[in-house]
Amino acid sequence: MSEAAIHFDRPRGWPAAFTPQKCPHIRTVSEFGSSRTIARFCSVNAAVLMAALLASAVLNAATITGVVRAQGKPEVEHDVASGKYDSRRFKFVNRIDYGKLRDLVVYIDQPMTNNAPPAVPSVQIVRQKDAVFTPHVLPVMVGTTVRWPNQDDIFHNVFSYSAPKNFDLDLYKGNSCPDGRLKEVTFDKLGRVDVFCSIHSQMHCIMLVLPCPHFARADSAGKYSLPNVPPGTYMLKAWHERLPESAKQVQVPESGERKIDFTLGITGLPKHSVT
């Protein structure tokens, strides 16, 4: 066997500090002594290489932050100010408080194609407790499996007829399978999936199936953060179940923060007039 050095070619985006000339892990064959030692060496260094790649990807990434808000049509406030909602007829009518809407989601609406480390879909849980699904809105990456434990001592029947994923988990309590496993569904197509219980009218939740792992639910103040986004140009969207989406094209730098705010409302829809 020759004295040629054993090394890996440096891929595109690889940190300059990890070139073969500068890497302290490069050795010649005679320094190993056996093929078993070589195999062990290669295995260890493969892990080192992968860790370095992941570190490089994180270093060349930025954070998208901002605030997402919702607002109604201001003309409605005239009815409130005039006292019409104080009447017996409308006193108990529920009006939407747009300032208190929750479950606002911001996400990148495209797959990652710029040498970012591949994301692995996780396993998520939606609980059924007190005849309510929790959480009400769950954004997930496509390919994610969601488990559905029933923590009530009454039957529930989880089902959906949405186009991206339709299913029926049938009637069950607790751990649904005889072997103790939880009932689960894998969401393998993009889109909104509305989930219901066939028994209880108030039980409704939404799976928002997205193309990449860069998404976030805004907090109670409307703030959101998408960390470790690789540099590039993306379509960023803000979503709420009752409002039209808002989309903005965003150029993300190699580091630092990019601030993007959204305001959702009843806008951008075709007007309809009666003639």
Protein backbone atom coordinates (compact mmCIF):
# COMPACT_ATOMS: atom_id res chain seq x y z
CA MET A 1 0.00 0.00 0.00
CA SER A 2 1.38 3.46 -0.89
CA GLU A 3 2.22 6.29 1.48
CA ALA A 4 -0.53 8.46 0.01
CA ALA A 5 -2.41 10.46 2.64
CA ILE A 6 -5.97 9.41 3.41
CA HIS A 7 -8.31 12.39 3.29
CA PHE A 8 -11.69 13.64 2.17
CA ASP A 9 -12.09 16.28 -0.52
CA ARG A 10 -13.37 19.55 0.90
CA PRO A 11 -16.96 20.10 -0.32
CA ARG A 12 -18.39 23.45 -1.35
CA GLY A 13 -19.07 25.59 1.72
CA TRP A 14 -16.55 23.60 3.80
CA PRO A 15 -14.65 25.76 6.35
CA ALA A 16 -11.15 26.63 5.11
CA ALA A 17 -9.70 25.47 8.43
CA PHE A 18 -10.67 21.90 7.52
CA THR A 19 -8.67 21.56 4.31
CA PRO A 20 -6.48 18.43 4.19
CA GLN A 21 -3.35 20.54 4.53
CA LYS A 22 -4.58 22.11 7.77
CA CYS A 23 -6.46 19.19 9.28
CA PRO A 24 -4.50 17.51 12.10
CA HIS A 25 -6.39 14.21 11.57
CA ILE A 26 -4.80 13.41 8.19
CA ARG A 27 -2.29 10.55 8.36
CA THR A 28 -0.40 8.31 5.98
CA VAL A 29 -1.24 4.60 5.68
CA SER A 30 1.93 3.47 7.46
CA GLU A 31 0.90 5.37 10.58
CA PHE A 32 -2.17 3.14 11.04
CA GLY A 33 -0.71 -0.36 10.96
CA SER A 34 -3.85 -2.31 10.03
CA SER A 35 -7.01 -2.14 7.96
CA ARG A 36 -9.10 -2.34 11.16
CA THR A 37 -7.38 0.77 12.48
CA ILE A 38 -7.99 2.50 9.16
CA ALA A 39 -11.70 1.61 9.32
CA ARG A 40 -11.95 2.94 12.88
CA PHE A 41 -10.11 6.10 11.85
CA CYS A 42 -12.43 6.68 8.89
CA SER A 43 -15.52 6.16 11.05
CA VAL A 44 -14.37 8.69 13.65
CA ASN A 45 -13.35 11.24 11.06
CA ALA A 46 -16.64 10.85 9.18
CA ALA A 47 -18.37 11.99 12.37
CA VAL A 48 -15.90 14.87 12.67
CA LEU A 49 -16.62 15.86 9.07
CA MET A 50 -20.37 15.79 9.59
CA ALA A 51 -20.11 17.87 12.77
CA ALA A 52 -17.97 20.40 10.94
CA LEU A 53 -20.48 20.60 8.09
CA LEU A 54 -23.35 21.19 10.49
CA ALA A 55 -21.34 23.81 12.37
CA SER A 56 -20.51 25.54 9.10
CA ALA A 57 -24.16 25.56 8.09
CA VAL A 58 -25.17 27.14 11.41
CA LEU A 59 -22.39 29.75 11.14
CA ASN A 60 -23.59 30.72 7.65
CA ALA A 61 -27.16 31.41 8.72
CA ALA A 62 -29.27 34.27 9.95
CA THR A 63 -32.43 34.78 12.00
CA ILE A 64 -35.69 36.17 10.63
CA THR A 65 -37.59 38.04 13.35
CA GLY A 66 -40.54 40.35 13.49
CA VAL A 67 -44.06 40.98 14.69
CA VAL A 68 -47.26 39.71 13.11
CA ARG A 69 -50.57 41.42 13.91
CA ALA A 70 -54.19 41.08 12.88
CA GLN A 71 -56.68 43.88 12.38
CA GLY A 72 -60.34 44.17 11.46
CA LYS A 73 -62.10 46.79 9.37
CA PRO A 74 -62.14 50.10 11.27
CA GLU A 75 -65.69 51.00 10.17
CA VAL A 76 -67.04 48.38 12.60
CA GLU A 77 -65.95 50.47 15.58
CA HIS A 78 -68.72 52.96 14.78
CA ASP A 79 -71.31 50.40 15.87
CA VAL A 80 -69.42 49.88 19.13
CA ALA A 81 -69.03 53.60 19.85
CA SER A 82 -72.71 54.26 19.12
CA GLY A 83 -73.76 51.78 21.83
CA LYS A 84 -75.51 49.30 19.55
CA TYR A 85 -73.79 46.39 21.28
CA ASP A 86 -75.20 47.53 24.61
CA SER A 87 -78.71 46.62 23.54
CA ARG A 88 -80.40 43.44 24.75
CA ARG A 89 -80.44 42.15 21.17
CA PHE A 90 -76.65 42.30 20.64
CA LYS A 91 -75.26 42.44 24.19
CA PHE A 92 -74.10 38.80 24.17
CA VAL A 93 -72.98 38.64 20.56
CA ASN A 94 -69.32 37.66 20.42
CA ARG A 95 -67.16 40.05 18.40
CA ILE A 96 -63.64 39.15 17.25
CA ASP A 97 -60.93 41.03 19.13
CA TYR A 98 -58.23 41.09 16.46
CA GLY A 99 -55.66 42.31 18.94
CA LYS A 100 -56.06 39.11 20.94
CA LEU A 101 -56.02 36.56 18.10
CA ARG A 102 -53.62 33.70 18.77
CA ASP A 103 -52.16 30.89 16.66
CA LEU A 104 -50.55 33.26 14.15
CA VAL A 105 -47.94 31.34 12.16
CA VAL A 106 -45.00 32.63 10.10
CA TYR A 107 -43.20 30.23 7.76
CA ILE A 108 -40.93 29.91 4.72
CA ASP A 109 -43.07 28.56 1.91
CA GLN A 110 -40.49 26.58 -0.06
CA PRO A 111 -38.13 23.63 0.43
CA MET A 112 -34.50 24.27 1.40
CA THR A 113 -32.29 23.67 -1.65
CA ASN A 114 -29.12 25.57 -0.77
CA ASN A 115 -27.00 22.83 0.82
CA ALA A 116 -28.68 23.17 4.21
CA PRO A 117 -28.48 20.04 6.42
CA PRO A 118 -31.56 17.90 5.76
CA ALA A 119 -34.26 18.25 8.39
CA VAL A 120 -35.79 15.15 9.91
CA PRO A 121 -39.55 15.30 10.58
CA SER A 122 -40.32 14.83 14.25
CA VAL A 123 -43.14 13.13 16.13
CA GLN A 124 -45.70 15.55 17.58
CA ILE A 125 -48.65 15.08 19.93
CA VAL A 126 -52.15 16.55 19.93
CA ARG A 127 -53.94 15.75 23.19
CA GLN A 128 -57.66 15.28 23.69
CA LYS A 129 -58.46 16.57 27.17
CA ASP A 130 -61.75 17.97 28.51
CA ALA A 131 -63.18 17.47 25.01
CA VAL A 132 -60.66 19.91 23.50
CA PHE A 133 -57.76 19.36 21.10
CA THR A 134 -54.50 20.87 22.37
CA PRO A 135 -52.87 22.61 20.59
CA HIS A 136 -55.58 24.07 18.41
CA VAL A 137 -53.09 24.87 15.59
CA LEU A 138 -50.01 22.74 15.00
CA PRO A 139 -47.60 23.72 12.21
CA VAL A 140 -45.49 20.72 11.13
CA MET A 141 -43.01 19.89 8.40
CA VAL A 142 -44.26 17.54 5.70
CA GLY A 143 -43.57 13.94 6.72
CA THR A 144 -44.26 14.58 10.41
CA THR A 145 -46.14 11.94 12.41
CA VAL A 146 -48.74 13.19 14.91
CA ARG A 147 -50.01 11.05 17.78
CA TRP A 148 -53.51 11.50 19.22
CA PRO A 149 -53.86 10.37 22.88
CA ASN A 150 -57.33 10.54 24.40
CA GLN A 151 -56.91 11.66 28.02
CA ASP A 152 -60.65 11.74 28.74
CA ASP A 153 -62.69 8.82 30.06
CA ILE A 154 -65.21 9.23 27.26
CA PHE A 155 -64.99 8.20 23.61
CA HIS A 156 -63.59 10.50 20.94
CA ASN A 157 -63.40 9.91 17.19
CA VAL A 158 -60.61 11.83 15.44
CA PHE A 159 -61.15 12.28 11.71
CA SER A 160 -60.48 14.60 8.77
CA TYR A 161 -61.88 14.93 5.27
CA SER A 162 -59.35 17.56 4.14
CA ALA A 163 -57.78 16.97 0.72
CA PRO A 164 -54.12 16.81 1.89
CA LYS A 165 -54.96 14.08 4.43
CA ASN A 166 -58.25 12.34 5.13
CA PHE A 167 -58.47 9.68 7.84
CA ASP A 168 -60.69 8.18 10.53
CA LEU A 169 -59.16 6.93 13.79
CA ASP A 170 -62.54 5.52 14.93
CA LEU A 171 -63.88 5.51 18.51
CA TYR A 172 -61.30 5.06 21.27
CA LYS A 173 -60.27 6.00 24.80
CA GLY A 174 -56.76 6.36 26.22
CA ASN A 175 -54.06 4.39 24.42
CA SER A 176 -55.99 3.18 21.44
CA CYS A 177 -54.08 0.10 20.31
CA PRO A 178 -54.14 -3.25 22.15
CA ASP A 179 -50.35 -3.15 22.53
CA GLY A 180 -50.49 0.28 24.20
CA ARG A 181 -49.36 2.32 21.21
CA LEU A 182 -51.04 5.64 20.46
CA LYS A 183 -53.02 6.18 17.31
CA GLU A 184 -50.99 8.25 14.88
CA VAL A 185 -51.18 9.85 11.44
CA THR A 186 -48.30 10.85 9.13
CA PHE A 187 -48.93 14.06 7.21
CA ASP A 188 -47.22 13.53 3.86
CA LYS A 189 -48.80 16.28 1.73
CA LEU A 190 -48.63 20.05 2.05
CA GLY A 191 -51.62 22.10 3.09
CA ARG A 192 -54.17 22.78 5.79
CA VAL A 193 -55.79 19.75 7.42
CA ASP A 194 -58.87 20.39 9.57
CA VAL A 195 -59.40 17.70 12.21
CA PHE A 196 -62.65 17.07 14.09
CA CYS A 197 -64.27 14.73 16.57
CA SER A 198 -67.42 13.08 15.22
CA ILE A 199 -69.08 13.25 18.65
CA HIS A 200 -68.31 16.70 20.09
CA SER A 201 -69.11 19.79 18.01
CA GLN A 202 -66.54 22.08 19.65
CA MET A 203 -63.60 19.74 18.98
CA HIS A 204 -61.65 21.12 16.03
CA CYS A 205 -57.94 21.61 15.38
CA ILE A 206 -55.73 22.39 12.40
CA MET A 207 -52.55 20.76 11.10
CA LEU A 208 -50.64 23.22 8.93
CA VAL A 209 -48.31 21.01 6.86
CA LEU A 210 -45.33 23.01 5.60
CA PRO A 211 -42.43 22.35 3.18
CA CYS A 212 -39.47 23.05 5.49
CA PRO A 213 -38.63 23.30 9.23
CA HIS A 214 -38.41 27.10 9.26
CA PHE A 215 -41.71 28.13 10.88
CA ALA A 216 -42.89 29.56 14.18
CA ARG A 217 -46.02 30.45 16.08
CA ALA A 218 -46.04 34.04 17.28
CA ASP A 219 -46.11 34.62 21.03
CA SER A 220 -48.83 36.55 22.90
CA ALA A 221 -47.23 39.84 21.80
CA GLY A 222 -47.13 38.76 18.16
CA LYS A 223 -43.36 38.29 18.11
CA TYR A 224 -41.82 35.42 16.14
CA SER A 225 -38.32 34.16 15.36
CA LEU A 226 -36.97 31.79 12.69
CA PRO A 227 -33.36 30.95 13.61
CA ASN A 228 -30.62 29.29 11.53
CA VAL A 229 -32.02 30.20 8.12
CA PRO A 230 -29.38 29.68 5.39
CA PRO A 231 -28.63 32.71 3.20
CA GLY A 232 -30.84 33.06 0.16
CA THR A 233 -34.08 34.48 -1.20
CA TYR A 234 -37.29 33.07 0.27
CA MET A 235 -41.04 33.52 0.20
CA LEU A 236 -42.08 34.28 3.78
CA LYS A 237 -45.74 33.99 4.72
CA ALA A 238 -47.90 34.86 7.71
CA TRP A 239 -51.04 32.81 8.37
CA HIS A 240 -54.12 32.72 10.57
CA GLU A 241 -57.06 30.39 10.16
CA ARG A 242 -59.64 33.22 9.83
CA LEU A 243 -57.68 35.60 7.60
CA PRO A 244 -56.06 35.69 4.14
CA GLU A 245 -52.34 34.93 4.13
CA SER A 246 -49.76 37.66 3.63
CA ALA A 247 -46.58 36.94 1.66
CA LYS A 248 -43.28 38.81 1.32
CA GLN A 249 -40.11 37.93 -0.58
CA VAL A 250 -37.15 38.09 1.79
CA GLN A 251 -33.41 38.20 1.15
CA VAL A 252 -31.64 36.50 4.07
CA PRO A 253 -27.97 37.42 4.72
CA GLU A 254 -25.20 35.04 5.80
CA SER A 255 -25.45 36.19 9.42
CA GLY A 256 -27.29 38.56 11.72
CA GLU A 257 -31.01 39.30 11.74
CA ARG A 258 -33.57 40.18 9.11
CA LYS A 259 -36.66 41.93 10.50
CA ILE A 260 -39.95 41.39 8.70
CA ASP A 261 -43.34 42.50 10.12
CA PHE A 262 -46.80 41.46 8.95
CA THR A 263 -50.32 42.81 9.37
CA LEU A 264 -53.12 40.39 8.52
CA GLY A 265 -56.62 41.58 7.70
CA ILE A 266 -59.53 41.22 5.30
CA THR A 267 -57.52 42.54 2.36
CA GLY A 268 -56.55 41.42 -1.12
CA LEU A 269 -59.85 39.66 -1.80
CA PRO A 270 -61.99 40.37 -4.89
CA LYS A 271 -64.82 42.81 -4.19
CA HIS A 272 -68.32 41.63 -4.97
CA SER A 273 -71.07 44.06 -5.87
CA VAL A 274 -74.70 43.38 -6.65
CA THR A 275 -75.94 44.85 -9.92
